[in-house]
Amino acid sequence: MKTRLLAALCTALAASPMAFATPSGLNNIPTADVTPPGVLVIQSFTNFGNDKDADLTLGFKTGLDLFGQKFEFGADSHILPDKGGPVVLQAKYSLPFGEGLPSLGIGVANIAITEDDRDRAGDPFSYLVLSHDFGGLFRAHAGYGFQTDNNSVLLGVDKTVKLFERDLTLRSDFTQVQDESQWMGSLGFLYAVHENVVLESWASQPFDDGDTIYTVKLNFVFKF
């Protein structure tokens, strides 16, 4: 149960064409999941591919329970290569509809503080997404994201199985990119290699035009 909780809470959104902050989600889309209260997740990830040098981004996310309502907030920043930054923020509210029913995630990511940072990072990315567990067979996610000249449908599915007595979550998602001009799909996994370390990796491929981008992420989980 402990590794399953860690695997679920550490699922995160990687840097993609639509947003750069990392709310809990699948590969390239957010879900209704939030990090549990009293848990801090430090994240380090890199994207690389054909004609794309490997980069490095560092960030964190944590959960908060206010009056029985569950929230998540976090921040991250580009580190390498070239000029670092800017720091961008994210926040999410998760609303469960009841036992056996979906949960709704309402959030905003890619929030840059200053005008110069917004020029570099782009506009905030707001979203609504529903997540539902189909009796333990699989989970499905569907929503919509709002960003200037980059609105997008968000679709995804994930399934958790045991591998060497630890949770392995298989994930795939699909989202519109480039101002809804084409779709991008991804396929990846999340594996709880230790109680405090979760490994993620996936490949993202635009359907019509563009190279495959590979992502590797390490999540370090701390309870306080």
C-alpha atoms as a PDB file:
ATOM      1  CA  MET A   1       0.000   0.000   0.000  1.00  0.00           C
ATOM      2  CA  LYS A   2       2.847   2.403   0.826  1.00  0.00           C
ATOM      3  CA  THR A   3       4.522   1.979  -2.569  1.00  0.00           C
ATOM      4  CA  ARG A   4       1.177   2.276  -4.319  1.00  0.00           C
ATOM      5  CA  LEU A   5       0.548   5.593  -2.560  1.00  0.00           C
ATOM      6  CA  LEU A   6       4.002   6.844  -3.513  1.00  0.00           C
ATOM      7  CA  ALA A   7       3.570   5.795  -7.118  1.00  0.00           C
ATOM      8  CA  ALA A   8       0.235   7.562  -7.355  1.00  0.00           C
ATOM      9  CA  LEU A   9       1.372  10.783  -5.720  1.00  0.00           C
ATOM     10  CA  CYS A  10       4.599  11.062  -7.741  1.00  0.00           C
ATOM     11  CA  THR A  11       3.000  10.798 -11.165  1.00  0.00           C
ATOM     12  CA  ALA A  12       3.792  14.135 -12.759  1.00  0.00           C
ATOM     13  CA  LEU A  13       3.493  16.289 -15.831  1.00  0.00           C
ATOM     14  CA  ALA A  14       6.746  16.745 -17.757  1.00  0.00           C
ATOM     15  CA  ALA A  15       7.797  19.841 -19.667  1.00  0.00           C
ATOM     16  CA  SER A  16       5.748  19.903 -22.860  1.00  0.00           C
ATOM     17  CA  PRO A  17       4.879  22.488 -25.536  1.00  0.00           C
ATOM     18  CA  MET A  18       1.863  23.663 -23.511  1.00  0.00           C
ATOM     19  CA  ALA A  19       3.240  24.161 -19.988  1.00  0.00           C
ATOM     20  CA  PHE A  20       6.406  23.847 -17.961  1.00  0.00           C
ATOM     21  CA  ALA A  21       5.270  23.511 -14.340  1.00  0.00           C
ATOM     22  CA  THR A  22       4.648  19.968 -13.147  1.00  0.00           C
ATOM     23  CA  PRO A  23       1.314  19.186 -11.483  1.00  0.00           C
ATOM     24  CA  SER A  24       0.621  15.515 -10.737  1.00  0.00           C
ATOM     25  CA  GLY A  25      -0.464  13.735 -13.874  1.00  0.00           C
ATOM     26  CA  LEU A  26       0.518  11.214 -16.501  1.00  0.00           C
ATOM     27  CA  ASN A  27       3.284  11.835 -19.028  1.00  0.00           C
ATOM     28  CA  ASN A  28       2.208  15.094 -20.647  1.00  0.00           C
ATOM     29  CA  ILE A  29      -1.202  15.804 -19.099  1.00  0.00           C
ATOM     30  CA  PRO A  30      -2.398  16.678 -15.579  1.00  0.00           C
ATOM     31  CA  THR A  31      -4.903  14.463 -13.750  1.00  0.00           C
ATOM     32  CA  ALA A  32      -7.184  15.041 -10.770  1.00  0.00           C
ATOM     33  CA  ASP A  33      -4.518  13.514  -8.473  1.00  0.00           C
ATOM     34  CA  VAL A  34      -2.775  15.702  -5.902  1.00  0.00           C
ATOM     35  CA  THR A  35       0.215  15.085  -3.655  1.00  0.00           C
ATOM     36  CA  PRO A  36      -0.985  14.053  -0.154  1.00  0.00           C
ATOM     37  CA  PRO A  37      -0.671  16.579   2.695  1.00  0.00           C
ATOM     38  CA  GLY A  38       2.600  16.313   4.586  1.00  0.00           C
ATOM     39  CA  VAL A  39       4.504  14.970   1.589  1.00  0.00           C
ATOM     40  CA  LEU A  40       7.194  16.852  -0.341  1.00  0.00           C
ATOM     41  CA  VAL A  41       8.367  15.607  -3.746  1.00  0.00           C
ATOM     42  CA  ILE A  42      11.638  16.925  -5.185  1.00  0.00           C
ATOM     43  CA  GLN A  43      11.790  16.389  -8.944  1.00  0.00           C
ATOM     44  CA  SER A  44      14.647  16.294 -11.434  1.00  0.00           C
ATOM     45  CA  PHE A  45      14.032  15.578 -15.103  1.00  0.00           C
ATOM     46  CA  THR A  46      15.603  15.802 -18.522  1.00  0.00           C
ATOM     47  CA  ASN A  47      14.251  15.854 -22.081  1.00  0.00           C
ATOM     48  CA  PHE A  48      16.331  14.731 -25.047  1.00  0.00           C
ATOM     49  CA  GLY A  49      15.969  13.480 -28.612  1.00  0.00           C
ATOM     50  CA  ASN A  50      17.117  13.829 -32.190  1.00  0.00           C
ATOM     51  CA  ASP A  51      18.595  17.309 -32.734  1.00  0.00           C
ATOM     52  CA  LYS A  52      17.727  18.215 -29.117  1.00  0.00           C
ATOM     53  CA  ASP A  53      20.440  18.485 -26.488  1.00  0.00           C
ATOM     54  CA  ALA A  54      19.617  17.041 -23.079  1.00  0.00           C
ATOM     55  CA  ASP A  55      18.342  19.635 -20.608  1.00  0.00           C
ATOM     56  CA  LEU A  56      17.806  19.683 -16.850  1.00  0.00           C
ATOM     57  CA  THR A  57      14.825  20.966 -14.860  1.00  0.00           C
ATOM     58  CA  LEU A  58      14.465  20.937 -11.071  1.00  0.00           C
ATOM     59  CA  GLY A  59      11.273  21.426  -9.079  1.00  0.00           C
ATOM     60  CA  PHE A  60       9.061  20.402  -6.196  1.00  0.00           C
ATOM     61  CA  LYS A  61       5.430  19.798  -5.334  1.00  0.00           C
ATOM     62  CA  THR A  62       3.562  19.240  -2.071  1.00  0.00           C
ATOM     63  CA  GLY A  63       0.016  18.711  -0.828  1.00  0.00           C
ATOM     64  CA  LEU A  64      -2.159  20.763   1.470  1.00  0.00           C
ATOM     65  CA  ASP A  65      -5.426  19.971   3.290  1.00  0.00           C
ATOM     66  CA  LEU A  66      -7.500  23.091   4.019  1.00  0.00           C
ATOM     67  CA  PHE A  67     -10.853  22.597   5.763  1.00  0.00           C
ATOM     68  CA  GLY A  68     -11.055  19.076   4.390  1.00  0.00           C
ATOM     69  CA  GLN A  69     -10.287  20.182   0.821  1.00  0.00           C
ATOM     70  CA  LYS A  70      -7.213  18.842  -0.986  1.00  0.00           C
ATOM     71  CA  PHE A  71      -4.797  21.117  -2.830  1.00  0.00           C
ATOM     72  CA  GLU A  72      -1.392  20.808  -4.462  1.00  0.00           C
ATOM     73  CA  PHE A  73       1.147  23.491  -5.212  1.00  0.00           C
ATOM     74  CA  GLY A  74       4.694  23.528  -6.553  1.00  0.00           C
ATOM     75  CA  ALA A  75       7.325  25.216  -8.666  1.00  0.00           C
ATOM     76  CA  ASP A  76      10.112  24.333 -11.038  1.00  0.00           C
ATOM     77  CA  SER A  77      12.793  25.950 -13.146  1.00  0.00           C
ATOM     78  CA  HIS A  78      14.952  25.216 -16.150  1.00  0.00           C
ATOM     79  CA  ILE A  79      18.582  24.778 -15.050  1.00  0.00           C
ATOM     80  CA  LEU A  80      20.616  23.650 -18.090  1.00  0.00           C
ATOM     81  CA  PRO A  81      21.679  24.321 -20.799  1.00  0.00           C
ATOM     82  CA  ASP A  82      22.148  28.042 -21.429  1.00  0.00           C
ATOM     83  CA  LYS A  83      20.423  30.566 -19.156  1.00  0.00           C
ATOM     84  CA  GLY A  84      18.589  29.125 -16.174  1.00  0.00           C
ATOM     85  CA  GLY A  85      15.020  29.924 -15.175  1.00  0.00           C
ATOM     86  CA  PRO A  86      12.505  31.265 -15.028  1.00  0.00           C
ATOM     87  CA  VAL A  87      10.840  29.819 -11.936  1.00  0.00           C
ATOM     88  CA  VAL A  88       7.215  28.941 -12.695  1.00  0.00           C
ATOM     89  CA  LEU A  89       4.487  27.998 -10.208  1.00  0.00           C
ATOM     90  CA  GLN A  90       1.534  25.626 -10.288  1.00  0.00           C
ATOM     91  CA  ALA A  91      -1.537  24.996  -8.101  1.00  0.00           C
ATOM     92  CA  LYS A  92      -4.376  22.456  -8.247  1.00  0.00           C
ATOM     93  CA  TYR A  93      -7.610  21.684  -6.391  1.00  0.00           C
ATOM     94  CA  SER A  94      -8.974  18.121  -6.380  1.00  0.00           C
ATOM     95  CA  LEU A  95     -12.702  17.522  -5.881  1.00  0.00           C
ATOM     96  CA  PRO A  96     -13.862  13.895  -5.479  1.00  0.00           C
ATOM     97  CA  PHE A  97     -17.519  13.349  -6.389  1.00  0.00           C
ATOM     98  CA  GLY A  98     -17.907  10.300  -4.153  1.00  0.00           C
ATOM     99  CA  GLU A  99     -17.154   6.597  -3.943  1.00  0.00           C
ATOM    100  CA  GLY A 100     -17.230   4.984  -7.373  1.00  0.00           C
ATOM    101  CA  LEU A 101     -17.456   8.372  -9.092  1.00  0.00           C
ATOM    102  CA  PRO A 102     -14.810  10.482 -10.898  1.00  0.00           C
ATOM    103  CA  SER A 103     -12.717  13.221  -9.325  1.00  0.00           C
ATOM    104  CA  LEU A 104     -12.336  16.683 -10.832  1.00  0.00           C
ATOM    105  CA  GLY A 105      -9.020  18.484 -10.990  1.00  0.00           C
ATOM    106  CA  ILE A 106      -8.997  22.267 -11.434  1.00  0.00           C
ATOM    107  CA  GLY A 107      -5.601  23.884 -11.801  1.00  0.00           C
ATOM    108  CA  VAL A 108      -3.238  26.360 -13.358  1.00  0.00           C
ATOM    109  CA  ALA A 109       0.414  25.805 -14.246  1.00  0.00           C
ATOM    110  CA  ASN A 110       3.249  27.729 -15.865  1.00  0.00           C
ATOM    111  CA  ILE A 111       2.681  30.806 -13.691  1.00  0.00           C
ATOM    112  CA  ALA A 112       5.620  33.184 -14.141  1.00  0.00           C
ATOM    113  CA  ILE A 113       5.858  36.073 -11.691  1.00  0.00           C
ATOM    114  CA  THR A 114       7.494  38.940 -13.583  1.00  0.00           C
ATOM    115  CA  GLU A 115       6.833  40.318 -17.048  1.00  0.00           C
ATOM    116  CA  ASP A 116      10.303  39.270 -18.218  1.00  0.00           C
ATOM    117  CA  ASP A 117       9.705  35.738 -16.926  1.00  0.00           C
ATOM    118  CA  ARG A 118       6.352  35.592 -18.708  1.00  0.00           C
ATOM    119  CA  ASP A 119       8.067  36.627 -21.952  1.00  0.00           C
ATOM    120  CA  ARG A 120      10.350  33.603 -21.560  1.00  0.00           C
ATOM    121  CA  ALA A 121       7.919  31.022 -20.153  1.00  0.00           C
ATOM    122  CA  GLY A 122       4.730  32.007 -21.966  1.00  0.00           C
ATOM    123  CA  ASP A 123       1.235  32.434 -20.579  1.00  0.00           C
ATOM    124  CA  PRO A 124      -0.276  30.367 -17.733  1.00  0.00           C
ATOM    125  CA  PHE A 125      -1.894  27.032 -18.598  1.00  0.00           C
ATOM    126  CA  SER A 126      -5.293  26.479 -16.916  1.00  0.00           C
ATOM    127  CA  TYR A 127      -7.140  23.177 -17.046  1.00  0.00           C
ATOM    128  CA  LEU A 128     -10.100  21.060 -15.988  1.00  0.00           C
ATOM    129  CA  VAL A 129      -9.701  17.278 -15.926  1.00  0.00           C
ATOM    130  CA  LEU A 130     -11.780  14.306 -14.792  1.00  0.00           C
ATOM    131  CA  SER A 131     -10.105  11.125 -13.491  1.00  0.00           C
ATOM    132  CA  HIS A 132     -11.962   7.846 -12.913  1.00  0.00           C
ATOM    133  CA  ASP A 133     -10.930   4.392 -11.710  1.00  0.00           C
ATOM    134  CA  PHE A 134     -12.796   1.646 -13.575  1.00  0.00           C
ATOM    135  CA  GLY A 135     -12.911  -0.920 -10.807  1.00  0.00           C
ATOM    136  CA  GLY A 136      -9.137  -1.356 -10.638  1.00  0.00           C
ATOM    137  CA  LEU A 137      -8.953  -2.456 -14.294  1.00  0.00           C
ATOM    138  CA  PHE A 138      -7.498   0.886 -15.390  1.00  0.00           C
ATOM    139  CA  ARG A 139      -7.887   4.610 -14.808  1.00  0.00           C
ATOM    140  CA  ALA A 140      -9.020   7.045 -17.506  1.00  0.00           C
ATOM    141  CA  HIS A 141      -8.577  10.817 -17.671  1.00  0.00           C
ATOM    142  CA  ALA A 142     -10.184  13.454 -19.885  1.00  0.00           C
ATOM    143  CA  GLY A 143     -10.091  17.226 -19.796  1.00  0.00           C
ATOM    144  CA  TYR A 144      -9.333  20.470 -21.537  1.00  0.00           C
ATOM    145  CA  GLY A 145      -6.502  22.980 -21.191  1.00  0.00           C
ATOM    146  CA  PHE A 146      -6.624  26.715 -21.784  1.00  0.00           C
ATOM    147  CA  GLN A 147      -3.579  28.719 -22.875  1.00  0.00           C
ATOM    148  CA  THR A 148      -3.192  31.637 -25.257  1.00  0.00           C
ATOM    149  CA  ASP A 149      -3.063  30.231 -28.810  1.00  0.00           C
ATOM    150  CA  ASN A 150      -2.584  26.723 -27.399  1.00  0.00           C
ATOM    151  CA  ASN A 151      -5.880  25.306 -26.104  1.00  0.00           C
ATOM    152  CA  SER A 152      -5.849  21.524 -26.000  1.00  0.00           C
ATOM    153  CA  VAL A 153      -7.900  18.375 -25.408  1.00  0.00           C
ATOM    154  CA  LEU A 154      -6.334  16.145 -22.720  1.00  0.00           C
ATOM    155  CA  LEU A 155      -6.837  12.357 -22.810  1.00  0.00           C
ATOM    156  CA  GLY A 156      -5.023   9.587 -20.942  1.00  0.00           C
ATOM    157  CA  VAL A 157      -5.075   6.131 -19.382  1.00  0.00           C
ATOM    158  CA  ASP A 158      -2.946   4.343 -16.774  1.00  0.00           C
ATOM    159  CA  LYS A 159      -2.733   0.884 -15.197  1.00  0.00           C
ATOM    160  CA  THR A 160      -0.761  -0.210 -12.111  1.00  0.00           C
ATOM    161  CA  VAL A 161       0.684  -3.731 -11.793  1.00  0.00           C
ATOM    162  CA  LYS A 162       3.288  -5.396  -9.558  1.00  0.00           C
ATOM    163  CA  LEU A 163       6.885  -5.887 -10.680  1.00  0.00           C
ATOM    164  CA  PHE A 164       9.318  -7.427  -8.159  1.00  0.00           C
ATOM    165  CA  GLU A 165       6.726  -6.648  -5.458  1.00  0.00           C
ATOM    166  CA  ARG A 166       6.777  -2.927  -6.294  1.00  0.00           C
ATOM    167  CA  ASP A 167       4.247  -0.828  -8.185  1.00  0.00           C
ATOM    168  CA  LEU A 168       4.779  -0.311 -11.909  1.00  0.00           C
ATOM    169  CA  THR A 169       2.356   2.145 -13.528  1.00  0.00           C
ATOM    170  CA  LEU A 170       2.014   1.983 -17.324  1.00  0.00           C
ATOM    171  CA  ARG A 171       0.782   5.251 -18.835  1.00  0.00           C
ATOM    172  CA  SER A 172      -0.260   6.729 -22.151  1.00  0.00           C
ATOM    173  CA  ASP A 173      -1.745  10.100 -23.024  1.00  0.00           C
ATOM    174  CA  PHE A 174      -2.766  12.200 -25.989  1.00  0.00           C
ATOM    175  CA  THR A 175      -2.960  15.970 -26.247  1.00  0.00           C
ATOM    176  CA  GLN A 176      -3.289  18.652 -28.880  1.00  0.00           C
ATOM    177  CA  VAL A 177      -0.237  20.828 -29.503  1.00  0.00           C
ATOM    178  CA  GLN A 178       0.729  23.812 -31.668  1.00  0.00           C
ATOM    179  CA  ASP A 179      -2.586  25.638 -31.266  1.00  0.00           C
ATOM    180  CA  GLU A 180      -4.630  22.460 -31.881  1.00  0.00           C
ATOM    181  CA  SER A 181      -2.931  21.937 -35.256  1.00  0.00           C
ATOM    182  CA  GLN A 182      -1.821  18.372 -34.432  1.00  0.00           C
ATOM    183  CA  TRP A 183      -1.893  15.687 -31.755  1.00  0.00           C
ATOM    184  CA  MET A 184       0.969  14.343 -29.670  1.00  0.00           C
ATOM    185  CA  GLY A 185       0.903  10.892 -28.082  1.00  0.00           C
ATOM    186  CA  SER A 186       3.104   9.410 -25.387  1.00  0.00           C
ATOM    187  CA  LEU A 187       3.871   6.035 -23.837  1.00  0.00           C
ATOM    188  CA  GLY A 188       5.764   5.510 -20.604  1.00  0.00           C
ATOM    189  CA  PHE A 189       5.978   4.111 -17.110  1.00  0.00           C
ATOM    190  CA  LEU A 190       6.430   4.991 -13.438  1.00  0.00           C
ATOM    191  CA  TYR A 191       8.216   2.606 -11.059  1.00  0.00           C
ATOM    192  CA  ALA A 192       8.613   2.868  -7.288  1.00  0.00           C
ATOM    193  CA  VAL A 193      12.224   1.695  -7.025  1.00  0.00           C
ATOM    194  CA  HIS A 194      12.322   2.589  -3.293  1.00  0.00           C
ATOM    195  CA  GLU A 195      10.012   3.957  -0.633  1.00  0.00           C
ATOM    196  CA  ASN A 196      11.529   7.395  -1.236  1.00  0.00           C
ATOM    197  CA  VAL A 197      12.518   7.205  -4.924  1.00  0.00           C
ATOM    198  CA  VAL A 198      10.240   6.951  -7.953  1.00  0.00           C
ATOM    199  CA  LEU A 199      11.540   6.658 -11.534  1.00  0.00           C
ATOM    200  CA  GLU A 200       9.555   7.863 -14.535  1.00  0.00           C
ATOM    201  CA  SER A 201      10.328   7.712 -18.243  1.00  0.00           C
ATOM    202  CA  TRP A 202       8.357   8.149 -21.460  1.00  0.00           C
ATOM    203  CA  ALA A 203       8.528   8.977 -25.157  1.00  0.00           C
ATOM    204  CA  SER A 204       6.381  11.672 -26.800  1.00  0.00           C
ATOM    205  CA  GLN A 205       5.670  11.706 -30.530  1.00  0.00           C
ATOM    206  CA  PRO A 206       3.780  14.330 -32.574  1.00  0.00           C
ATOM    207  CA  PHE A 207       1.448  12.607 -35.013  1.00  0.00           C
ATOM    208  CA  ASP A 208       2.059  14.713 -38.123  1.00  0.00           C
ATOM    209  CA  ASP A 209       5.369  16.531 -37.859  1.00  0.00           C
ATOM    210  CA  GLY A 210       8.169  16.535 -35.308  1.00  0.00           C
ATOM    211  CA  ASP A 211      10.785  14.308 -33.693  1.00  0.00           C
ATOM    212  CA  THR A 212      10.297  11.963 -30.771  1.00  0.00           C
ATOM    213  CA  ILE A 213      11.218  13.501 -27.404  1.00  0.00           C
ATOM    214  CA  TYR A 214      12.358  11.240 -24.550  1.00  0.00           C
ATOM    215  CA  THR A 215      11.954  12.175 -20.886  1.00  0.00           C
ATOM    216  CA  VAL A 216      13.546  10.707 -17.754  1.00  0.00           C
ATOM    217  CA  LYS A 217      12.482  11.906 -14.302  1.00  0.00           C
ATOM    218  CA  LEU A 218      13.516  11.098 -10.740  1.00  0.00           C
ATOM    219  CA  ASN A 219      11.190  11.881  -7.829  1.00  0.00           C
ATOM    220  CA  PHE A 220      12.535  12.009  -4.263  1.00  0.00           C
ATOM    221  CA  VAL A 221       9.731  11.674  -1.709  1.00  0.00           C
ATOM    222  CA  PHE A 222       9.887  13.070   1.841  1.00  0.00           C
ATOM    223  CA  LYS A 223       7.270  12.991   4.604  1.00  0.00           C
ATOM    224  CA  PHE A 224       7.082  15.730   7.211  1.00  0.00           C
END
